[in-house]
Amino acid sequence: MASEHRAQPARPPALSERDERNERARKEELRARLGREQRSMLRGLILLAVAILIASLWRAGFGRLFVPGWWNQW
């Protein structure tokens, strides 16, 4: 009868302390870069929203938006 022993699957070698520090530093840098990218995207979206608002107000005309005596409606 044939032996039922099978070879163990290959495992990567254990990381040294230096490799672990490098890996932690890499992950921290990646997290920081992701945070900067998200802040940049948020600023861009806010800037786009402000530009659309200003363009809409410009197109509508301030005379139509703020008619004389509009403050008396409050």
C-alpha atoms as a PDB file:
ATOM      1  CA  MET A   1       0.000   0.000   0.000  1.00  0.00           C
ATOM      2  CA  ALA A   2       1.315   3.457  -0.931  1.00  0.00           C
ATOM      3  CA  SER A   3       2.228   5.889   1.768  1.00  0.00           C
ATOM      4  CA  GLU A   4      -0.392   8.545   2.518  1.00  0.00           C
ATOM      5  CA  HIS A   5       2.174  11.246   3.266  1.00  0.00           C
ATOM      6  CA  ARG A   6       1.929  14.377   1.221  1.00  0.00           C
ATOM      7  CA  ALA A   7       4.291  17.286   1.045  1.00  0.00           C
ATOM      8  CA  GLN A   8       3.360  20.331   3.095  1.00  0.00           C
ATOM      9  CA  PRO A   9       2.288  23.372   1.078  1.00  0.00           C
ATOM     10  CA  ALA A  10       4.982  25.946   0.620  1.00  0.00           C
ATOM     11  CA  ARG A  11       4.932  28.722   3.215  1.00  0.00           C
ATOM     12  CA  PRO A  12       6.670  32.061   2.901  1.00  0.00           C
ATOM     13  CA  PRO A  13       9.592  32.542   5.233  1.00  0.00           C
ATOM     14  CA  ALA A  14       8.937  34.385   8.487  1.00  0.00           C
ATOM     15  CA  LEU A  15       9.575  38.119   8.296  1.00  0.00           C
ATOM     16  CA  SER A  16      12.526  39.488  10.163  1.00  0.00           C
ATOM     17  CA  GLU A  17      12.117  42.411  12.560  1.00  0.00           C
ATOM     18  CA  ARG A  18      13.529  44.779   9.945  1.00  0.00           C
ATOM     19  CA  ASP A  19      11.095  43.466   7.317  1.00  0.00           C
ATOM     20  CA  GLU A  20       8.188  43.935   9.739  1.00  0.00           C
ATOM     21  CA  ARG A  21       9.246  47.539  10.428  1.00  0.00           C
ATOM     22  CA  ASN A  22       9.505  48.192   6.687  1.00  0.00           C
ATOM     23  CA  GLU A  23       6.078  46.666   6.134  1.00  0.00           C
ATOM     24  CA  ARG A  24       4.530  48.794   8.906  1.00  0.00           C
ATOM     25  CA  ALA A  25       6.176  51.919   7.471  1.00  0.00           C
ATOM     26  CA  ARG A  26       4.890  51.066   3.996  1.00  0.00           C
ATOM     27  CA  LYS A  27       1.346  50.567   5.272  1.00  0.00           C
ATOM     28  CA  GLU A  28       1.493  53.815   7.259  1.00  0.00           C
ATOM     29  CA  GLU A  29       2.681  55.725   4.190  1.00  0.00           C
ATOM     30  CA  LEU A  30      -0.087  54.153   2.109  1.00  0.00           C
ATOM     31  CA  ARG A  31      -2.680  55.165   4.724  1.00  0.00           C
ATOM     32  CA  ALA A  32      -1.315  58.733   4.794  1.00  0.00           C
ATOM     33  CA  ARG A  33      -1.334  58.938   0.987  1.00  0.00           C
ATOM     34  CA  LEU A  34      -4.929  57.699   0.897  1.00  0.00           C
ATOM     35  CA  GLY A  35      -5.934  60.357   3.433  1.00  0.00           C
ATOM     36  CA  ARG A  36      -4.280  63.102   1.367  1.00  0.00           C
ATOM     37  CA  GLU A  37      -6.015  61.854  -1.770  1.00  0.00           C
ATOM     38  CA  GLN A  38      -9.422  61.799  -0.056  1.00  0.00           C
ATOM     39  CA  ARG A  39      -8.954  65.361   1.249  1.00  0.00           C
ATOM     40  CA  SER A  40      -7.928  66.496  -2.209  1.00  0.00           C
ATOM     41  CA  MET A  41     -11.002  64.889  -3.770  1.00  0.00           C
ATOM     42  CA  LEU A  42     -13.261  66.510  -1.163  1.00  0.00           C
ATOM     43  CA  ARG A  43     -11.737  69.937  -1.823  1.00  0.00           C
ATOM     44  CA  GLY A  44     -12.246  69.437  -5.553  1.00  0.00           C
ATOM     45  CA  LEU A  45     -15.893  68.475  -5.118  1.00  0.00           C
ATOM     46  CA  ILE A  46     -16.554  71.483  -2.876  1.00  0.00           C
ATOM     47  CA  LEU A  47     -14.837  73.765  -5.386  1.00  0.00           C
ATOM     48  CA  LEU A  48     -16.934  72.288  -8.192  1.00  0.00           C
ATOM     49  CA  ALA A  49     -20.145  72.781  -6.183  1.00  0.00           C
ATOM     50  CA  VAL A  50     -19.239  76.423  -5.464  1.00  0.00           C
ATOM     51  CA  ALA A  51     -18.435  77.030  -9.138  1.00  0.00           C
ATOM     52  CA  ILE A  52     -21.799  75.548 -10.199  1.00  0.00           C
ATOM     53  CA  LEU A  53     -23.623  77.659  -7.605  1.00  0.00           C
ATOM     54  CA  ILE A  54     -21.910  80.858  -8.765  1.00  0.00           C
ATOM     55  CA  ALA A  55     -22.589  80.049 -12.426  1.00  0.00           C
ATOM     56  CA  SER A  56     -26.257  79.368 -11.638  1.00  0.00           C
ATOM     57  CA  LEU A  57     -26.609  82.633  -9.732  1.00  0.00           C
ATOM     58  CA  TRP A  58     -24.855  84.521 -12.524  1.00  0.00           C
ATOM     59  CA  ARG A  59     -27.119  82.996 -15.158  1.00  0.00           C
ATOM     60  CA  ALA A  60     -30.320  83.628 -13.196  1.00  0.00           C
ATOM     61  CA  GLY A  61     -29.303  87.208 -12.519  1.00  0.00           C
ATOM     62  CA  PHE A  62     -29.164  88.774  -9.109  1.00  0.00           C
ATOM     63  CA  GLY A  63     -32.067  91.095  -9.988  1.00  0.00           C
ATOM     64  CA  ARG A  64     -34.423  88.138 -10.281  1.00  0.00           C
ATOM     65  CA  LEU A  65     -33.136  86.495  -7.124  1.00  0.00           C
ATOM     66  CA  PHE A  66     -33.102  89.565  -4.893  1.00  0.00           C
ATOM     67  CA  VAL A  67     -35.996  91.719  -6.035  1.00  0.00           C
ATOM     68  CA  PRO A  68     -36.414  95.118  -4.377  1.00  0.00           C
ATOM     69  CA  GLY A  69     -38.092  94.726  -1.013  1.00  0.00           C
ATOM     70  CA  TRP A  70     -37.260  91.044  -0.607  1.00  0.00           C
ATOM     71  CA  TRP A  71     -36.262  91.620   3.018  1.00  0.00           C
ATOM     72  CA  ASN A  72     -39.814  92.778   3.795  1.00  0.00           C
ATOM     73  CA  GLN A  73     -41.074  89.239   3.070  1.00  0.00           C
ATOM     74  CA  TRP A  74     -39.520  87.987   6.306  1.00  0.00           C
END
